[in-house]
Amino acid sequence: MYEHAWHNLTLRLGNDLGGFNDQINRNPQFLAFTNTEHISRPITFSIKSVGSDDVILFTFNQSFGQARVGKSTEALFSLAALPSQWQNVFTRNPQPPYQSFWGLYGQNIRQEGVEVLGDQVAFANYAHIWRAMLDVLHDVHCGPNDISEQLQPEEDFLTGRYVFVTTKAWGRCKIFYEKSGDATCGLDIVFLHTAGSDSRQYHGVMNDATMRERCRMVAFDLPSHGRSFPSPAYPVGGHFNSEDAYMECIAAVIKALKLRQPILCGASMAGQACIAAAIRYEEVGVCGTIPLQGCERVEMKREWHDKSPLINSATFNPEWVYGMMCPTAPLENRQLLWHTYSGQAYGVYHGDLDFYFNGWDGRGRVETIDTNKCPVYFLVGEYDWSNTPEMSEKTARKIPGAQFKRMPKLGHFPATENPTIFVPYLLEAVEYIASRGKAVV
């Protein structure tokens, strides 16, 4: 009976709208997103259960929002889902993939019945605003999620500088890198950032005391990403990526920094790069890899929003990835991901996704990885709807000797979301590779 009542969202959520209307206009995130004169007229969207025309309408303009009961015909666009799906979304500490509407609308596990109706451009351009409004309604209805606490560091142990690296694909590039940890007694590990982002993702891990004692850690920004300078090989907005370009760049950084056959670790696009590096370990110069959120192939229809002249990529791209994280991860860490994705240059994310979705193909190749020479340890966060745990595990099973572990309370960006939870898993993987006698100590 309770689930059936979600067929009409006005019955389940209507009594919460008074509290929502009070809180939305005091919510710092909503006010920051709507503080623009561009919103010169009221914009209305709705959420609805499939099969019902009775909806919750949300209207916003500059620094003001409200919600009311109404009909879907009044909305510029509507977010539609099945009653049971909305019930799971509006739950405290939701289980994956119900952490947000993006989890339902996601790439590889798009749920049956989930659809965006109406103006698709408005849906994408106002993604940050409708998501913030749904977050507030969620908290009014069932209470805020139990967000993990995180100790604030008193000191930062990272140092950064630049190095020139030359590759065939990207030319001579000025690359930014950071390092931390014991340079004399630890083993080397190189961290790779995700598509369209940079190595600030690893600050929590690289400042961890145990990691600093055990490893010499290096993280670098790919050419045209983050604090690295743009590649001279293509015009502004023309970034491209491929397996060969990626592998050559990693090998060149390892050589330039005189690293000692490091372990390679990275998530998402970088997780796939870790698998490719295990296939080509001699060429790249690694002793083992730790793919995070990686698999042999991501099959999906590409979305067009990430490099559209009609869509603001500085708000859409971070929103697209924001819903891939665990909803109980520290807010400051999730906001760091949003910030770094918002700050990348136009076309960088799109070019990286050309590798993540279409360029990388390990089918028929992962089986050739020799884990006696290059151990592989898969780690995957359970809240990821882009590279799901099932996809990673399926790939791991094809590699003789590969290890796999699922990580609860983490998502697509485990190293950034919650380093306190992630580091023990990472150390386990590091120690496993070291115990195989492949890591240079």
Protein backbone atom coordinates (compact mmCIF):
# COMPACT_ATOMS: atom_id res chain seq x y z
CA MET A 1 0.00 0.00 0.00
CA TYR A 2 2.80 2.41 0.88
CA GLU A 3 4.59 1.87 -2.43
CA HIS A 4 1.33 2.14 -4.35
CA ALA A 5 0.72 5.56 -2.80
CA TRP A 6 3.80 6.87 -4.61
CA HIS A 7 1.85 6.57 -7.86
CA ASN A 8 0.65 10.08 -7.04
CA LEU A 9 3.53 12.20 -5.75
CA THR A 10 1.16 14.86 -4.52
CA LEU A 11 -0.16 12.39 -1.93
CA ARG A 12 3.29 11.41 -0.71
CA LEU A 13 5.07 14.77 -0.89
CA GLY A 14 2.32 17.38 -0.87
CA ASN A 15 2.43 17.86 2.90
CA ASP A 16 6.16 18.60 2.69
CA LEU A 17 5.83 21.56 0.34
CA GLY A 18 5.27 24.13 3.07
CA GLY A 19 8.54 23.15 4.73
CA PHE A 20 10.24 23.09 1.36
CA ASN A 21 9.06 26.59 0.47
CA ASP A 22 10.43 27.86 3.75
CA GLN A 23 13.82 26.16 3.43
CA ILE A 24 14.56 26.57 -0.28
CA ASN A 25 14.87 30.35 -0.04
CA ARG A 26 17.38 30.00 2.78
CA ASN A 27 19.42 27.23 1.17
CA PRO A 28 22.93 28.55 0.33
CA GLN A 29 23.45 26.19 -2.61
CA PHE A 30 20.16 27.06 -4.29
CA LEU A 31 20.73 30.79 -3.76
CA ALA A 32 24.25 30.57 -5.22
CA PHE A 33 22.99 28.75 -8.31
CA THR A 34 20.09 31.13 -8.94
CA ASN A 35 21.91 34.39 -8.22
CA THR A 36 22.00 35.45 -11.86
CA GLU A 37 20.08 37.97 -13.90
CA HIS A 38 19.93 35.43 -16.72
CA ILE A 39 16.88 33.88 -15.07
CA SER A 40 14.71 36.79 -16.13
CA ARG A 41 11.42 34.90 -15.98
CA PRO A 42 10.11 32.07 -13.79
CA ILE A 43 11.17 28.57 -14.86
CA THR A 44 8.91 25.65 -13.92
CA PHE A 45 9.71 21.95 -13.96
CA SER A 46 8.01 18.96 -12.38
CA ILE A 47 8.58 15.51 -10.98
CA LYS A 48 5.98 12.88 -11.74
CA SER A 49 5.28 9.20 -11.37
CA VAL A 50 4.78 7.31 -14.62
CA GLY A 51 1.08 7.05 -15.40
CA SER A 52 0.00 10.06 -13.34
CA ASP A 53 -0.56 13.65 -14.44
CA ASP A 54 -0.63 14.91 -10.85
CA VAL A 55 2.83 16.32 -10.22
CA ILE A 56 4.94 18.40 -7.90
CA LEU A 57 5.77 21.67 -9.68
CA PHE A 58 8.94 23.59 -8.85
CA THR A 59 9.30 27.20 -9.94
CA PHE A 60 12.41 29.33 -9.63
CA ASN A 61 13.73 32.67 -10.76
CA GLN A 62 16.55 34.87 -9.53
CA SER A 63 17.21 33.90 -5.88
CA PHE A 64 13.68 32.61 -5.28
CA GLY A 65 12.03 29.20 -5.45
CA GLN A 66 8.79 27.49 -4.50
CA ALA A 67 6.92 24.21 -5.01
CA ARG A 68 3.24 23.41 -5.36
CA VAL A 69 0.87 20.71 -6.56
CA GLY A 70 -0.19 20.92 -10.19
CA LYS A 71 -0.35 19.30 -13.62
CA SER A 72 2.57 18.28 -15.84
CA THR A 73 1.27 20.50 -18.65
CA GLU A 74 2.41 23.51 -16.62
CA ALA A 75 6.06 22.37 -16.65
CA LEU A 76 8.81 23.26 -19.11
CA PHE A 77 10.23 19.78 -18.52
CA SER A 78 9.36 16.86 -16.26
CA LEU A 79 11.47 14.22 -14.51
CA ALA A 80 9.51 10.98 -14.69
CA ALA A 81 10.11 7.72 -12.81
CA LEU A 82 8.18 4.74 -11.51
CA PRO A 83 6.49 5.04 -8.11
CA SER A 84 8.87 2.56 -6.47
CA GLN A 85 11.85 4.50 -7.82
CA TRP A 86 10.68 7.79 -6.32
CA GLN A 87 10.03 5.98 -3.04
CA ASN A 88 13.65 4.80 -3.01
CA VAL A 89 14.99 8.25 -3.94
CA PHE A 90 13.09 9.95 -1.11
CA THR A 91 14.62 7.70 1.53
CA ARG A 92 17.19 8.68 4.11
CA ASN A 93 20.64 7.33 3.16
CA PRO A 94 19.35 5.91 -0.14
CA GLN A 95 20.84 2.75 -1.55
CA PRO A 96 22.53 2.73 -4.98
CA PRO A 97 21.53 3.80 -7.56
CA TYR A 98 18.83 5.88 -5.88
CA GLN A 99 21.15 8.59 -4.54
CA SER A 100 19.72 11.05 -7.08
CA PHE A 101 17.63 11.28 -10.23
CA TRP A 102 20.93 11.00 -12.09
CA GLY A 103 21.30 7.53 -10.59
CA LEU A 104 18.04 6.51 -12.25
CA TYR A 105 18.83 8.31 -15.50
CA GLY A 106 22.43 7.06 -15.52
CA GLN A 107 24.42 5.59 -18.31
CA ASN A 108 24.66 1.83 -17.88
CA ILE A 109 21.81 1.07 -15.55
CA ARG A 110 19.14 3.47 -16.78
CA GLN A 111 16.02 2.35 -14.99
CA GLU A 112 12.88 1.25 -16.78
CA GLY A 113 10.31 4.04 -16.88
CA VAL A 114 12.81 6.83 -16.21
CA GLU A 115 12.50 9.65 -18.71
CA VAL A 116 12.93 13.38 -19.16
CA LEU A 117 9.89 14.86 -20.86
CA GLY A 118 9.74 18.25 -22.51
CA ASP A 119 12.51 20.78 -23.16
CA GLN A 120 15.80 18.83 -23.18
CA VAL A 121 17.99 21.93 -23.39
CA ALA A 122 16.31 23.47 -20.35
CA PHE A 123 16.68 20.17 -18.49
CA ALA A 124 20.44 20.22 -19.11
CA ASN A 125 21.05 23.93 -18.57
CA TYR A 126 19.17 24.00 -15.27
CA ALA A 127 20.46 20.63 -14.03
CA HIS A 128 22.31 22.18 -11.11
CA ILE A 129 19.17 24.03 -9.98
CA TRP A 130 16.65 21.18 -10.23
CA ARG A 131 19.10 18.88 -8.47
CA ALA A 132 19.56 21.37 -5.61
CA MET A 133 15.80 21.75 -5.26
CA LEU A 134 15.28 17.98 -5.15
CA ASP A 135 18.01 17.71 -2.52
CA VAL A 136 16.11 20.15 -0.30
CA LEU A 137 12.80 18.31 -0.78
CA HIS A 138 14.53 15.04 0.05
CA ASP A 139 15.80 16.41 3.35
CA VAL A 140 12.43 17.94 4.24
CA HIS A 141 10.61 14.69 3.53
CA CYS A 142 12.84 12.13 5.23
CA GLY A 143 15.60 14.07 6.98
CA PRO A 144 19.19 14.74 5.89
CA ASN A 145 21.46 11.82 5.08
CA ASP A 146 23.97 10.73 7.71
CA ILE A 147 26.98 12.53 6.27
CA SER A 148 30.38 11.14 7.26
CA GLU A 149 32.49 13.35 9.46
CA GLN A 150 36.00 14.22 8.36
CA LEU A 151 38.87 15.58 10.41
CA GLN A 152 40.25 18.87 9.13
CA PRO A 153 43.98 18.68 8.39
CA GLU A 154 46.34 21.02 10.20
CA GLU A 155 49.09 20.71 7.58
CA ASP A 156 49.42 19.83 3.91
CA PHE A 157 52.30 17.56 2.87
CA LEU A 158 52.12 17.89 -0.92
CA THR A 159 54.67 19.73 -3.04
CA GLY A 160 54.11 20.53 -6.70
CA ARG A 161 56.06 21.64 -9.71
CA TYR A 162 56.19 21.31 -13.50
CA VAL A 163 58.00 18.99 -15.88
CA PHE A 164 58.18 19.00 -19.68
CA VAL A 165 56.99 15.79 -21.33
CA THR A 166 56.93 15.04 -25.05
CA THR A 167 54.60 12.54 -26.72
CA LYS A 168 53.72 11.87 -30.35
CA ALA A 169 50.03 12.61 -29.87
CA TRP A 170 50.18 15.70 -27.68
CA GLY A 171 53.60 17.20 -28.47
CA ARG A 172 55.82 18.91 -25.91
CA CYS A 173 53.66 19.72 -22.88
CA LYS A 174 54.28 21.47 -19.59
CA ILE A 175 52.72 19.11 -17.06
CA PHE A 176 51.94 19.82 -13.43
CA TYR A 177 52.59 17.11 -10.87
CA GLU A 178 52.44 16.76 -7.10
CA LYS A 179 54.23 14.39 -4.78
CA SER A 180 54.21 13.34 -1.14
CA GLY A 181 55.46 10.50 1.01
CA ASP A 182 58.77 8.90 1.94
CA ALA A 183 61.21 9.12 -0.95
CA THR A 184 63.72 6.71 0.59
CA CYS A 185 61.95 3.69 2.00
CA GLY A 186 58.55 3.59 0.34
CA LEU A 187 57.45 2.10 -2.93
CA ASP A 188 56.30 4.35 -5.76
CA ILE A 189 52.67 4.81 -6.76
CA VAL A 190 51.28 7.06 -9.51
CA PHE A 191 47.72 8.33 -9.33
CA LEU A 192 45.72 9.16 -12.46
CA HIS A 193 42.70 11.48 -12.38
CA THR A 194 39.32 10.85 -13.96
CA ALA A 195 38.06 12.17 -17.30
CA GLY A 196 37.76 15.95 -17.42
CA SER A 197 39.32 16.56 -14.02
CA ASP A 198 42.74 16.80 -12.33
CA SER A 199 44.90 15.32 -9.59
CA ARG A 200 43.41 17.39 -6.76
CA GLN A 201 41.20 14.31 -6.43
CA TYR A 202 44.02 12.60 -4.52
CA HIS A 203 44.92 15.21 -1.92
CA GLY A 204 43.13 13.33 0.86
CA VAL A 205 45.00 10.11 0.05
CA MET A 206 48.36 11.81 -0.45
CA ASN A 207 48.09 13.57 2.92
CA ASP A 208 47.20 10.37 4.77
CA ALA A 209 49.90 9.56 7.35
CA THR A 210 49.97 5.82 6.69
CA MET A 211 50.17 6.30 2.93
CA ARG A 212 53.00 8.81 3.37
CA GLU A 213 54.96 6.35 5.49
CA ARG A 214 54.46 3.47 3.07
CA CYS A 215 54.70 5.09 -0.36
CA ARG A 216 56.21 7.82 -2.44
CA MET A 217 53.13 9.15 -4.21
CA VAL A 218 52.90 11.11 -7.43
CA ALA A 219 49.83 12.52 -9.16
CA PHE A 220 49.86 14.58 -12.35
CA ASP A 221 47.42 16.50 -14.50
CA LEU A 222 47.18 15.34 -18.11
CA PRO A 223 48.00 17.95 -20.75
CA SER A 224 45.23 20.59 -21.00
CA HIS A 225 43.77 19.48 -17.65
CA GLY A 226 43.76 21.27 -14.34
CA ARG A 227 47.02 23.10 -13.77
CA SER A 228 48.87 21.61 -16.76
CA PHE A 229 49.35 23.77 -19.82
CA PRO A 230 47.36 23.08 -23.01
CA SER A 231 48.75 20.72 -25.59
CA PRO A 232 50.10 22.43 -28.73
CA ALA A 233 48.85 19.51 -30.84
CA TYR A 234 45.28 20.76 -31.20
CA PRO A 235 43.31 24.03 -31.10
CA VAL A 236 41.52 25.25 -27.99
CA GLY A 237 38.46 23.06 -27.46
CA GLY A 238 39.91 20.24 -29.55
CA HIS A 239 41.28 17.91 -26.86
CA PHE A 240 41.37 14.25 -27.82
CA ASN A 241 42.46 11.12 -26.00
CA SER A 242 43.31 7.57 -27.00
CA GLU A 243 44.92 4.51 -25.47
CA ASP A 244 48.23 5.08 -27.26
CA ALA A 245 48.40 8.76 -26.30
CA TYR A 246 47.51 7.98 -22.70
CA MET A 247 50.03 5.14 -22.32
CA GLU A 248 52.84 7.15 -23.91
CA CYS A 249 52.15 10.09 -21.58
CA ILE A 250 52.16 7.91 -18.45
CA ALA A 251 55.42 6.26 -19.53
CA ALA A 252 57.00 9.65 -20.26
CA VAL A 253 56.05 11.01 -16.82
CA ILE A 254 57.44 7.91 -15.10
CA LYS A 255 60.69 8.30 -17.01
CA ALA A 256 60.96 12.07 -16.48
CA LEU A 257 60.43 11.74 -12.72
CA LYS A 258 62.80 8.76 -12.47
CA LEU A 259 60.22 6.60 -10.73
CA ARG A 260 61.06 3.00 -9.87
CA GLN A 261 58.54 0.77 -11.66
CA PRO A 262 55.59 2.29 -9.80
CA ILE A 263 52.16 0.92 -9.07
CA LEU A 264 49.54 2.69 -11.20
CA CYS A 265 46.16 3.64 -9.71
CA GLY A 266 43.26 5.57 -11.22
CA ALA A 267 39.47 5.72 -11.49
CA SER A 268 36.99 5.71 -14.37
CA MET A 269 38.86 6.63 -17.55
CA ALA A 270 42.05 6.20 -15.51
CA GLY A 271 40.78 2.83 -14.27
CA GLN A 272 40.61 1.69 -17.86
CA ALA A 273 44.08 3.14 -18.40
CA CYS A 274 45.29 0.96 -15.51
CA ILE A 275 43.94 -2.11 -17.31
CA ALA A 276 45.59 -1.02 -20.57
CA ALA A 277 48.86 -0.43 -18.69
CA ALA A 278 48.71 -3.96 -17.26
CA ILE A 279 48.48 -5.28 -20.82
CA ARG A 280 51.43 -3.05 -21.84
CA TYR A 281 53.31 -3.06 -18.52
CA GLU A 282 56.80 -3.34 -20.00
CA GLU A 283 56.24 -0.43 -22.35
CA VAL A 284 54.66 1.76 -19.67
CA GLY A 285 57.09 0.78 -16.93
CA VAL A 286 54.74 -0.28 -14.11
CA CYS A 287 54.94 -3.21 -11.70
CA GLY A 288 51.23 -3.52 -10.95
CA THR A 289 47.96 -1.66 -11.32
CA ILE A 290 44.94 -0.82 -9.16
CA PRO A 291 42.00 -0.01 -11.44
CA LEU A 292 39.24 1.92 -9.66
CA GLN A 293 35.88 1.85 -11.43
CA GLY A 294 37.45 0.20 -14.50
CA CYS A 295 36.28 -2.52 -16.89
CA GLU A 296 37.07 -3.94 -20.31
CA ARG A 297 34.51 -1.84 -22.18
CA VAL A 298 31.78 0.71 -21.45
CA GLU A 299 28.92 0.31 -23.91
CA MET A 300 26.44 3.15 -24.00
CA LYS A 301 24.86 5.79 -26.20
CA ARG A 302 26.81 9.03 -25.89
CA GLU A 303 25.03 12.04 -24.49
CA TRP A 304 25.61 15.24 -26.46
CA HIS A 305 25.37 17.77 -23.63
CA ASP A 306 29.04 17.80 -22.56
CA LYS A 307 30.20 19.73 -25.63
CA SER A 308 27.14 21.55 -26.86
CA PRO A 309 27.08 25.25 -27.81
CA LEU A 310 23.60 25.35 -26.24
CA ILE A 311 24.56 23.92 -22.84
CA ASN A 312 26.70 25.51 -20.13
CA SER A 313 29.33 22.81 -19.62
CA ALA A 314 30.55 24.54 -16.43
CA THR A 315 27.28 23.55 -14.73
CA PHE A 316 26.17 20.46 -16.67
CA ASN A 317 29.42 18.48 -16.59
CA PRO A 318 29.84 18.64 -12.80
CA GLU A 319 26.16 17.78 -12.32
CA TRP A 320 26.51 14.73 -14.56
CA VAL A 321 29.18 13.29 -12.26
CA TYR A 322 27.82 14.61 -8.93
CA GLY A 323 25.16 11.93 -8.83
CA MET A 324 27.75 9.14 -9.17
CA MET A 325 28.95 9.62 -5.60
CA CYS A 326 27.83 8.15 -2.29
CA PRO A 327 25.28 10.55 -0.74
CA THR A 328 26.80 10.15 2.74
CA ALA A 329 30.32 11.17 1.69
CA PRO A 330 31.58 14.43 3.29
CA LEU A 331 29.93 17.38 1.54
CA GLU A 332 33.22 19.26 1.12
CA ASN A 333 34.65 16.34 -0.88
CA ARG A 334 31.63 16.12 -3.15
CA GLN A 335 31.80 19.87 -3.66
CA LEU A 336 35.50 19.58 -4.56
CA LEU A 337 34.53 17.19 -7.37
CA TRP A 338 31.84 19.60 -8.53
CA HIS A 339 34.32 22.49 -8.44
CA THR A 340 37.09 20.74 -10.36
CA TYR A 341 34.71 19.50 -13.05
CA SER A 342 33.27 22.97 -13.41
CA GLY A 343 36.73 24.48 -13.80
CA GLN A 344 38.02 22.45 -16.75
CA ALA A 345 38.47 23.94 -20.20
CA TYR A 346 35.82 23.58 -22.87
CA GLY A 347 36.04 20.26 -24.72
CA VAL A 348 38.43 18.55 -22.29
CA TYR A 349 35.78 16.33 -20.70
CA HIS A 350 34.31 15.49 -24.09
CA GLY A 351 37.70 14.48 -25.51
CA ASP A 352 38.38 12.23 -22.54
CA LEU A 353 34.99 10.57 -22.91
CA ASP A 354 35.95 9.70 -26.47
CA PHE A 355 38.45 7.36 -24.83
CA TYR A 356 36.27 6.23 -21.93
CA PHE A 357 33.21 5.32 -24.01
CA ASN A 358 34.47 4.66 -27.49
CA GLY A 359 38.27 4.49 -27.56
CA TRP A 360 39.07 1.91 -24.89
CA ASP A 361 38.28 -1.69 -25.77
CA GLY A 362 39.87 -4.45 -23.72
CA ARG A 363 37.64 -7.24 -25.00
CA GLY A 364 39.74 -10.20 -26.01
CA ARG A 365 42.83 -8.48 -24.56
CA VAL A 366 42.35 -8.48 -20.79
CA GLU A 367 42.65 -12.26 -20.79
CA THR A 368 46.29 -11.89 -21.88
CA ILE A 369 47.35 -9.95 -18.75
CA ASP A 370 50.06 -11.85 -16.91
CA THR A 371 49.40 -11.13 -13.24
CA ASN A 372 52.60 -12.96 -12.30
CA LYS A 373 54.46 -10.09 -13.94
CA CYS A 374 51.94 -7.28 -13.38
CA PRO A 375 49.43 -7.94 -10.59
CA VAL A 376 46.02 -6.29 -10.98
CA TYR A 377 43.76 -5.44 -8.04
CA PHE A 378 40.29 -4.05 -8.89
CA LEU A 379 38.56 -1.78 -6.38
CA VAL A 380 35.05 -0.50 -7.10
CA GLY A 381 32.61 1.74 -5.22
CA GLU A 382 29.07 0.45 -5.04
CA TYR A 383 27.33 3.78 -5.82
CA ASP A 384 28.79 4.05 -9.32
CA TRP A 385 26.18 3.86 -12.07
CA SER A 386 28.69 4.57 -14.86
CA ASN A 387 31.11 1.71 -14.31
CA THR A 388 29.09 -0.55 -12.05
CA PRO A 389 30.60 -3.06 -9.61
CA GLU A 390 29.20 -5.85 -11.75
CA MET A 391 31.05 -4.58 -14.82
CA SER A 392 34.38 -4.46 -12.97
CA GLU A 393 33.89 -7.88 -11.41
CA LYS A 394 33.05 -9.42 -14.78
CA THR A 395 36.30 -8.04 -16.20
CA ALA A 396 38.34 -9.17 -13.19
CA ARG A 397 37.08 -12.72 -13.61
CA LYS A 398 38.50 -12.81 -17.13
CA ILE A 399 42.03 -12.04 -15.89
CA PRO A 400 43.76 -15.07 -14.34
CA GLY A 401 44.99 -14.11 -10.88
CA ALA A 402 43.32 -10.68 -10.77
CA GLN A 403 41.88 -9.53 -7.44
CA PHE A 404 38.56 -7.76 -6.95
CA LYS A 405 36.93 -6.02 -4.01
CA ARG A 406 33.68 -4.08 -3.77
CA MET A 407 33.73 -0.97 -1.57
CA PRO A 408 30.54 0.01 0.30
CA LYS A 409 29.77 3.71 0.94
CA LEU A 410 31.88 4.82 -2.03
CA GLY A 411 31.02 5.73 -5.60
CA HIS A 412 32.69 6.67 -8.88
CA PHE A 413 35.39 8.80 -7.18
CA PRO A 414 36.41 6.71 -4.15
CA ALA A 415 39.74 8.44 -3.47
CA THR A 416 38.06 11.85 -3.29
CA GLU A 417 34.66 11.05 -1.79
CA ASN A 418 35.87 9.58 1.46
CA PRO A 419 39.63 8.97 1.88
CA THR A 420 39.10 7.64 5.40
CA ILE A 421 37.07 4.74 4.02
CA PHE A 422 39.10 4.33 0.84
CA VAL A 423 42.68 4.27 2.15
CA PRO A 424 42.42 0.89 3.95
CA TYR A 425 41.24 -0.71 0.69
CA LEU A 426 44.04 0.99 -1.20
CA LEU A 427 46.67 -0.16 1.30
CA GLU A 428 45.39 -3.71 1.04
CA ALA A 429 45.83 -3.57 -2.72
CA VAL A 430 49.27 -1.97 -2.42
CA GLU A 431 50.43 -4.59 0.07
CA TYR A 432 49.12 -7.36 -2.16
CA ILE A 433 51.15 -6.13 -5.12
CA ALA A 434 54.21 -5.59 -2.93
CA SER A 435 53.86 -9.12 -1.52
CA ARG A 436 53.99 -10.52 -5.04
CA GLY A 437 57.55 -9.19 -5.22
CA LYS A 438 56.87 -6.90 -8.16
CA ALA A 439 56.98 -3.51 -6.49
CA VAL A 440 60.43 -1.92 -6.23
CA VAL A 441 61.09 -0.98 -2.59
